[in-house]
Amino acid sequence: MDAKYPEIKKGKGRPDISKYKNKLSKENLKILSKLVYAYDTLHLAMGYDGNLSYNLAQEGIKNAIDIIDWATENNVD
C-alpha cells in the first residue's frame, strides 16, 4: 500500500490501518474489502488470537497478494 499511497507512510512509525481504509473507501471498495479481510485474518486472528488454520491463512494471503498486485501494477521501476 505504501507504493500506492506514499503520502500516508510519511512520518515516524507505522501508519494506522484506518488511514488506508479511509483512502480506499473513496477510491476502491473492492480493494478496501480485501484489505479489511486480510487485516482481520492475518494480523488480528492469526497474530493476536493465535488462529493457526491453514485454510484461513491461505485466504488471507490470497487477499494480501491481490492488494500487492493492485498497489504495484502502475508503480514498477
PDB file of N, CA and C in Angstrom:
ATOM      1  N   MET A   1       0.815  -1.194   0.000  1.00  0.00           N
ATOM      2  CA  MET A   1       0.000   0.000   0.000  1.00  0.00           C
ATOM      3  C   MET A   1       0.863   1.264   0.000  1.00  0.00           C
ATOM      4  N   ASP A   2       2.065   1.160   0.554  1.00  0.00           N
ATOM      5  CA  ASP A   2       2.932   2.334   0.576  1.00  0.00           C
ATOM      6  C   ASP A   2       3.329   2.766  -0.829  1.00  0.00           C
ATOM      7  N   ALA A   3       3.417   1.809  -1.750  1.00  0.00           N
ATOM      8  CA  ALA A   3       3.743   2.156  -3.134  1.00  0.00           C
ATOM      9  C   ALA A   3       2.624   2.977  -3.767  1.00  0.00           C
ATOM     10  N   LYS A   4       1.404   2.687  -3.398  1.00  0.00           N
ATOM     11  CA  LYS A   4       0.246   3.385  -3.968  1.00  0.00           C
ATOM     12  C   LYS A   4      -0.016   4.723  -3.265  1.00  0.00           C
ATOM     13  N   TYR A   5       0.206   4.742  -1.949  1.00  0.00           N
ATOM     14  CA  TYR A   5      -0.072   5.944  -1.157  1.00  0.00           C
ATOM     15  C   TYR A   5       1.142   6.335  -0.323  1.00  0.00           C
ATOM     16  N   PRO A   6       2.210   6.820  -0.960  1.00  0.00           N
ATOM     17  CA  PRO A   6       3.416   7.160  -0.203  1.00  0.00           C
ATOM     18  C   PRO A   6       3.188   8.289   0.807  1.00  0.00           C
ATOM     19  N   GLU A   7       2.198   9.117   0.572  1.00  0.00           N
ATOM     20  CA  GLU A   7       1.934  10.224   1.490  1.00  0.00           C
ATOM     21  C   GLU A   7       1.453   9.736   2.860  1.00  0.00           C
ATOM     22  N   ILE A   8       0.868   8.571   2.916  1.00  0.00           N
ATOM     23  CA  ILE A   8       0.405   8.019   4.192  1.00  0.00           C
ATOM     24  C   ILE A   8       1.585   7.537   5.028  1.00  0.00           C
ATOM     25  N   LYS A   9       2.615   7.062   4.393  1.00  0.00           N
ATOM     26  CA  LYS A   9       3.776   6.493   5.081  1.00  0.00           C
ATOM     27  C   LYS A   9       4.672   7.553   5.707  1.00  0.00           C
ATOM     28  N   LYS A  10       4.588   8.792   5.260  1.00  0.00           N
ATOM     29  CA  LYS A  10       5.472   9.836   5.771  1.00  0.00           C
ATOM     30  C   LYS A  10       5.328   9.987   7.284  1.00  0.00           C
ATOM     31  N   GLY A  11       6.432  10.250   7.927  1.00  0.00           N
ATOM     32  CA  GLY A  11       6.441  10.419   9.372  1.00  0.00           C
ATOM     33  C   GLY A  11       7.076   9.231  10.067  1.00  0.00           C
ATOM     34  N   LYS A  12       7.080   9.279  11.368  1.00  0.00           N
ATOM     35  CA  LYS A  12       7.702   8.224  12.159  1.00  0.00           C
ATOM     36  C   LYS A  12       6.717   7.091  12.419  1.00  0.00           C
ATOM     37  N   GLY A  13       7.261   5.908  12.543  1.00  0.00           N
ATOM     38  CA  GLY A  13       6.444   4.756  12.908  1.00  0.00           C
ATOM     39  C   GLY A  13       5.560   4.263  11.776  1.00  0.00           C
ATOM     40  N   ARG A  14       4.738   3.313  12.112  1.00  0.00           N
ATOM     41  CA  ARG A  14       3.820   2.729  11.132  1.00  0.00           C
ATOM     42  C   ARG A  14       2.503   3.499  11.113  1.00  0.00           C
ATOM     43  N   PRO A  15       1.967   3.738   9.939  1.00  0.00           N
ATOM     44  CA  PRO A  15       0.676   4.424   9.872  1.00  0.00           C
ATOM     45  C   PRO A  15      -0.446   3.515  10.350  1.00  0.00           C
ATOM     46  N   ASP A  16      -1.465   4.107  10.902  1.00  0.00           N
ATOM     47  CA  ASP A  16      -2.629   3.365  11.363  1.00  0.00           C
ATOM     48  C   ASP A  16      -3.411   2.825  10.171  1.00  0.00           C
ATOM     49  N   ILE A  17      -3.951   1.624  10.300  1.00  0.00           N
ATOM     50  CA  ILE A  17      -4.707   0.985   9.218  1.00  0.00           C
ATOM     51  C   ILE A  17      -5.897   1.846   8.783  1.00  0.00           C
ATOM     52  N   SER A  18      -6.422   2.648   9.704  1.00  0.00           N
ATOM     53  CA  SER A  18      -7.588   3.479   9.382  1.00  0.00           C
ATOM     54  C   SER A  18      -7.276   4.502   8.287  1.00  0.00           C
ATOM     55  N   LYS A  19      -6.024   4.929   8.177  1.00  0.00           N
ATOM     56  CA  LYS A  19      -5.663   5.873   7.111  1.00  0.00           C
ATOM     57  C   LYS A  19      -5.807   5.221   5.744  1.00  0.00           C
ATOM     58  N   TYR A  20      -5.392   3.965   5.638  1.00  0.00           N
ATOM     59  CA  TYR A  20      -5.543   3.242   4.379  1.00  0.00           C
ATOM     60  C   TYR A  20      -7.020   2.944   4.097  1.00  0.00           C
ATOM     61  N   LYS A  21      -7.747   2.569   5.124  1.00  0.00           N
ATOM     62  CA  LYS A  21      -9.179   2.283   4.955  1.00  0.00           C
ATOM     63  C   LYS A  21      -9.922   3.530   4.477  1.00  0.00           C
ATOM     64  N   ASN A  22      -9.608   4.665   5.064  1.00  0.00           N
ATOM     65  CA  ASN A  22     -10.256   5.910   4.684  1.00  0.00           C
ATOM     66  C   ASN A  22      -9.962   6.259   3.222  1.00  0.00           C
ATOM     67  N   LYS A  23      -8.711   6.124   2.828  1.00  0.00           N
ATOM     68  CA  LYS A  23      -8.318   6.432   1.444  1.00  0.00           C
ATOM     69  C   LYS A  23      -9.030   5.495   0.461  1.00  0.00           C
ATOM     70  N   LEU A  24      -9.026   4.203   0.771  1.00  0.00           N
ATOM     71  CA  LEU A  24      -9.647   3.230  -0.128  1.00  0.00           C
ATOM     72  C   LEU A  24     -11.165   3.368  -0.176  1.00  0.00           C
ATOM     73  N   SER A  25     -11.788   3.807   0.906  1.00  0.00           N
ATOM     74  CA  SER A  25     -13.246   3.949   0.915  1.00  0.00           C
ATOM     75  C   SER A  25     -13.719   4.972  -0.112  1.00  0.00           C
ATOM     76  N   LYS A  26     -12.813   5.855  -0.516  1.00  0.00           N
ATOM     77  CA  LYS A  26     -13.137   6.879  -1.510  1.00  0.00           C
ATOM     78  C   LYS A  26     -12.696   6.489  -2.917  1.00  0.00           C
ATOM     79  N   GLU A  27     -11.852   5.445  -3.023  1.00  0.00           N
ATOM     80  CA  GLU A  27     -11.263   5.131  -4.326  1.00  0.00           C
ATOM     81  C   GLU A  27     -11.545   3.737  -4.859  1.00  0.00           C
ATOM     82  N   ASN A  28     -11.561   2.730  -3.977  1.00  0.00           N
ATOM     83  CA  ASN A  28     -11.685   1.364  -4.483  1.00  0.00           C
ATOM     84  C   ASN A  28     -12.279   0.455  -3.408  1.00  0.00           C
ATOM     85  N   LEU A  29     -13.572   0.244  -3.466  1.00  0.00           N
ATOM     86  CA  LEU A  29     -14.255  -0.551  -2.447  1.00  0.00           C
ATOM     87  C   LEU A  29     -13.889  -2.028  -2.508  1.00  0.00           C
ATOM     88  N   LYS A  30     -13.546  -2.523  -3.681  1.00  0.00           N
ATOM     89  CA  LYS A  30     -13.152  -3.927  -3.803  1.00  0.00           C
ATOM     90  C   LYS A  30     -11.846  -4.179  -3.051  1.00  0.00           C
ATOM     91  N   ILE A  31     -10.873  -3.308  -3.232  1.00  0.00           N
ATOM     92  CA  ILE A  31      -9.599  -3.454  -2.540  1.00  0.00           C
ATOM     93  C   ILE A  31      -9.773  -3.161  -1.050  1.00  0.00           C
ATOM     94  N   LEU A  32     -10.647  -2.240  -0.704  1.00  0.00           N
ATOM     95  CA  LEU A  32     -10.941  -1.984   0.703  1.00  0.00           C
ATOM     96  C   LEU A  32     -11.444  -3.253   1.382  1.00  0.00           C
ATOM     97  N   SER A  33     -12.337  -3.956   0.733  1.00  0.00           N
ATOM     98  CA  SER A  33     -12.862  -5.199   1.279  1.00  0.00           C
ATOM     99  C   SER A  33     -11.751  -6.232   1.480  1.00  0.00           C
ATOM    100  N   LYS A  34     -10.867  -6.335   0.507  1.00  0.00           N
ATOM    101  CA  LYS A  34      -9.740  -7.276   0.608  1.00  0.00           C
ATOM    102  C   LYS A  34      -8.794  -6.861   1.736  1.00  0.00           C
ATOM    103  N   LEU A  35      -8.571  -5.557   1.896  1.00  0.00           N
ATOM    104  CA  LEU A  35      -7.712  -5.067   2.963  1.00  0.00           C
ATOM    105  C   LEU A  35      -8.288  -5.400   4.334  1.00  0.00           C
ATOM    106  N   VAL A  36      -9.565  -5.148   4.508  1.00  0.00           N
ATOM    107  CA  VAL A  36     -10.217  -5.430   5.789  1.00  0.00           C
ATOM    108  C   VAL A  36     -10.129  -6.918   6.102  1.00  0.00           C
ATOM    109  N   TYR A  37     -10.416  -7.759   5.116  1.00  0.00           N
ATOM    110  CA  TYR A  37     -10.365  -9.200   5.326  1.00  0.00           C
ATOM    111  C   TYR A  37      -8.943  -9.671   5.628  1.00  0.00           C
ATOM    112  N   ALA A  38      -7.975  -9.199   4.864  1.00  0.00           N
ATOM    113  CA  ALA A  38      -6.583  -9.609   5.082  1.00  0.00           C
ATOM    114  C   ALA A  38      -6.089  -9.142   6.450  1.00  0.00           C
ATOM    115  N   TYR A  39      -6.413  -7.934   6.818  1.00  0.00           N
ATOM    116  CA  TYR A  39      -6.001  -7.393   8.121  1.00  0.00           C
ATOM    117  C   TYR A  39      -6.636  -8.187   9.256  1.00  0.00           C
ATOM    118  N   ASP A  40      -7.933  -8.407   9.168  1.00  0.00           N
ATOM    119  CA  ASP A  40      -8.626  -9.171  10.209  1.00  0.00           C
ATOM    120  C   ASP A  40      -8.090 -10.594  10.309  1.00  0.00           C
ATOM    121  N   THR A  41      -7.808 -11.196   9.174  1.00  0.00           N
ATOM    122  CA  THR A  41      -7.351 -12.583   9.149  1.00  0.00           C
ATOM    123  C   THR A  41      -5.901 -12.715   9.584  1.00  0.00           C
ATOM    124  N   LEU A  42      -5.012 -12.034   8.886  1.00  0.00           N
ATOM    125  CA  LEU A  42      -3.587 -12.231   9.104  1.00  0.00           C
ATOM    126  C   LEU A  42      -3.052 -11.520  10.345  1.00  0.00           C
ATOM    127  N   HIS A  43      -3.518 -10.338  10.586  1.00  0.00           N
ATOM    128  CA  HIS A  43      -2.980  -9.571  11.709  1.00  0.00           C
ATOM    129  C   HIS A  43      -3.716  -9.881  13.015  1.00  0.00           C
ATOM    130  N   LEU A  44      -5.029  -9.799  12.981  1.00  0.00           N
ATOM    131  CA  LEU A  44      -5.780  -9.964  14.219  1.00  0.00           C
ATOM    132  C   LEU A  44      -5.989 -11.427  14.597  1.00  0.00           C
ATOM    133  N   ALA A  45      -6.652 -12.188  13.725  1.00  0.00           N
ATOM    134  CA  ALA A  45      -6.996 -13.582  14.061  1.00  0.00           C
ATOM    135  C   ALA A  45      -5.758 -14.450  14.222  1.00  0.00           C
ATOM    136  N   MET A  46      -4.830 -14.335  13.309  1.00  0.00           N
ATOM    137  CA  MET A  46      -3.649 -15.199  13.369  1.00  0.00           C
ATOM    138  C   MET A  46      -2.570 -14.614  14.279  1.00  0.00           C
ATOM    139  N   GLY A  47      -2.365 -13.314  14.223  1.00  0.00           N
ATOM    140  CA  GLY A  47      -1.314 -12.697  15.013  1.00  0.00           C
ATOM    141  C   GLY A  47      -1.638 -12.571  16.484  1.00  0.00           C
ATOM    142  N   TYR A  48      -2.804 -12.029  16.795  1.00  0.00           N
ATOM    143  CA  TYR A  48      -3.163 -11.811  18.192  1.00  0.00           C
ATOM    144  C   TYR A  48      -3.907 -12.991  18.804  1.00  0.00           C
ATOM    145  N   ASP A  49      -4.841 -13.558  18.053  1.00  0.00           N
ATOM    146  CA  ASP A  49      -5.666 -14.630  18.598  1.00  0.00           C
ATOM    147  C   ASP A  49      -5.017 -16.000  18.473  1.00  0.00           C
ATOM    148  N   GLY A  50      -3.996 -16.107  17.652  1.00  0.00           N
ATOM    149  CA  GLY A  50      -3.271 -17.361  17.520  1.00  0.00           C
ATOM    150  C   GLY A  50      -3.980 -18.424  16.711  1.00  0.00           C
ATOM    151  N   ASN A  51      -4.894 -18.028  15.836  1.00  0.00           N
ATOM    152  CA  ASN A  51      -5.578 -18.991  14.976  1.00  0.00           C
ATOM    153  C   ASN A  51      -4.566 -19.535  13.975  1.00  0.00           C
ATOM    154  N   LEU A  52      -4.373 -20.832  13.964  1.00  0.00           N
ATOM    155  CA  LEU A  52      -3.351 -21.441  13.112  1.00  0.00           C
ATOM    156  C   LEU A  52      -3.936 -22.219  11.937  1.00  0.00           C
ATOM    157  N   SER A  53      -5.154 -21.911  11.552  1.00  0.00           N
ATOM    158  CA  SER A  53      -5.814 -22.620  10.466  1.00  0.00           C
ATOM    159  C   SER A  53      -5.100 -22.384   9.134  1.00  0.00           C
ATOM    160  N   TYR A  54      -4.728 -23.460   8.475  1.00  0.00           N
ATOM    161  CA  TYR A  54      -4.087 -23.388   7.167  1.00  0.00           C
ATOM    162  C   TYR A  54      -5.006 -22.714   6.151  1.00  0.00           C
ATOM    163  N   ASN A  55      -6.269 -23.121   6.122  1.00  0.00           N
ATOM    164  CA  ASN A  55      -7.214 -22.555   5.146  1.00  0.00           C
ATOM    165  C   ASN A  55      -7.434 -21.067   5.384  1.00  0.00           C
ATOM    166  N   LEU A  56      -7.493 -20.662   6.629  1.00  0.00           N
ATOM    167  CA  LEU A  56      -7.646 -19.250   6.956  1.00  0.00           C
ATOM    168  C   LEU A  56      -6.434 -18.459   6.463  1.00  0.00           C
ATOM    169  N   ALA A  57      -5.258 -19.020   6.693  1.00  0.00           N
ATOM    170  CA  ALA A  57      -4.023 -18.363   6.247  1.00  0.00           C
ATOM    171  C   ALA A  57      -4.002 -18.223   4.727  1.00  0.00           C
ATOM    172  N   GLN A  58      -4.385 -19.275   4.022  1.00  0.00           N
ATOM    173  CA  GLN A  58      -4.391 -19.242   2.555  1.00  0.00           C
ATOM    174  C   GLN A  58      -5.305 -18.144   2.023  1.00  0.00           C
ATOM    175  N   GLU A  59      -6.493 -18.014   2.611  1.00  0.00           N
ATOM    176  CA  GLU A  59      -7.427 -16.963   2.173  1.00  0.00           C
ATOM    177  C   GLU A  59      -6.867 -15.570   2.461  1.00  0.00           C
ATOM    178  N   GLY A  60      -6.291 -15.405   3.639  1.00  0.00           N
ATOM    179  CA  GLY A  60      -5.703 -14.112   3.987  1.00  0.00           C
ATOM    180  C   GLY A  60      -4.558 -13.747   3.061  1.00  0.00           C
ATOM    181  N   ILE A  61      -3.706 -14.714   2.759  1.00  0.00           N
ATOM    182  CA  ILE A  61      -2.568 -14.469   1.867  1.00  0.00           C
ATOM    183  C   ILE A  61      -3.040 -14.159   0.451  1.00  0.00           C
ATOM    184  N   LYS A  62      -4.075 -14.854  -0.010  1.00  0.00           N
ATOM    185  CA  LYS A  62      -4.622 -14.579  -1.343  1.00  0.00           C
ATOM    186  C   LYS A  62      -5.085 -13.127  -1.444  1.00  0.00           C
ATOM    187  N   ASN A  63      -5.776 -12.649  -0.433  1.00  0.00           N
ATOM    188  CA  ASN A  63      -6.228 -11.258  -0.438  1.00  0.00           C
ATOM    189  C   ASN A  63      -5.047 -10.300  -0.370  1.00  0.00           C
ATOM    190  N   ALA A  64      -4.034 -10.631   0.418  1.00  0.00           N
ATOM    191  CA  ALA A  64      -2.850  -9.776   0.514  1.00  0.00           C
ATOM    192  C   ALA A  64      -2.136  -9.679  -0.834  1.00  0.00           C
ATOM    193  N   ILE A  65      -2.031 -10.795  -1.532  1.00  0.00           N
ATOM    194  CA  ILE A  65      -1.395 -10.794  -2.856  1.00  0.00           C
ATOM    195  C   ILE A  65      -2.194  -9.938  -3.838  1.00  0.00           C
ATOM    196  N   ASP A  66      -3.512 -10.021  -3.788  1.00  0.00           N
ATOM    197  CA  ASP A  66      -4.355  -9.182  -4.655  1.00  0.00           C
ATOM    198  C   ASP A  66      -4.117  -7.696  -4.374  1.00  0.00           C
ATOM    199  N   ILE A  67      -3.975  -7.347  -3.109  1.00  0.00           N
ATOM    200  CA  ILE A  67      -3.719  -5.953  -2.734  1.00  0.00           C
ATOM    201  C   ILE A  67      -2.354  -5.509  -3.249  1.00  0.00           C
ATOM    202  N   ILE A  68      -1.345  -6.344  -3.059  1.00  0.00           N
ATOM    203  CA  ILE A  68       0.006  -6.012  -3.529  1.00  0.00           C
ATOM    204  C   ILE A  68       0.026  -5.843  -5.041  1.00  0.00           C
ATOM    205  N   ASP A  69      -0.621  -6.758  -5.751  1.00  0.00           N
ATOM    206  CA  ASP A  69      -0.680  -6.651  -7.215  1.00  0.00           C
ATOM    207  C   ASP A  69      -1.345  -5.357  -7.634  1.00  0.00           C
ATOM    208  N   TRP A  70      -2.459  -5.002  -7.003  1.00  0.00           N
ATOM    209  CA  TRP A  70      -3.173  -3.773  -7.327  1.00  0.00           C
ATOM    210  C   TRP A  70      -2.312  -2.551  -7.023  1.00  0.00           C
ATOM    211  N   ALA A  71      -1.670  -2.555  -5.864  1.00  0.00           N
ATOM    212  CA  ALA A  71      -0.913  -1.384  -5.429  1.00  0.00           C
ATOM    213  C   ALA A  71       0.348  -1.157  -6.247  1.00  0.00           C
ATOM    214  N   THR A  72       0.890  -2.209  -6.844  1.00  0.00           N
ATOM    215  CA  THR A  72       2.143  -2.070  -7.571  1.00  0.00           C
ATOM    216  C   THR A  72       1.982  -2.152  -9.085  1.00  0.00           C
ATOM    217  N   GLU A  73       0.769  -2.309  -9.581  1.00  0.00           N
ATOM    218  CA  GLU A  73       0.583  -2.500 -11.022  1.00  0.00           C
ATOM    219  C   GLU A  73       1.094  -1.351 -11.869  1.00  0.00           C
ATOM    220  N   ASN A  74       1.018  -0.133 -11.360  1.00  0.00           N
ATOM    221  CA  ASN A  74       1.498   1.025 -12.120  1.00  0.00           C
ATOM    222  C   ASN A  74       2.726   1.646 -11.497  1.00  0.00           C
ATOM    223  N   ASN A  75       3.332   0.973 -10.537  1.00  0.00           N
ATOM    224  CA  ASN A  75       4.464   1.543  -9.821  1.00  0.00           C
ATOM    225  C   ASN A  75       5.718   0.712  -9.973  1.00  0.00           C
ATOM    226  N   VAL A  76       5.864   0.037 -11.092  1.00  0.00           N
ATOM    227  CA  VAL A  76       7.041  -0.796 -11.324  1.00  0.00           C
ATOM    228  C   VAL A  76       8.179   0.100 -11.816  1.00  0.00           C
ATOM    229  N   ASP A  77       9.339  -0.028 -11.179  1.00  0.00           N
ATOM    230  CA  ASP A  77      10.503   0.790 -11.588  1.00  0.00           C
ATOM    231  C   ASP A  77      11.141   0.236 -12.835  1.00  0.00           C
TER     232      ASP A  77
END
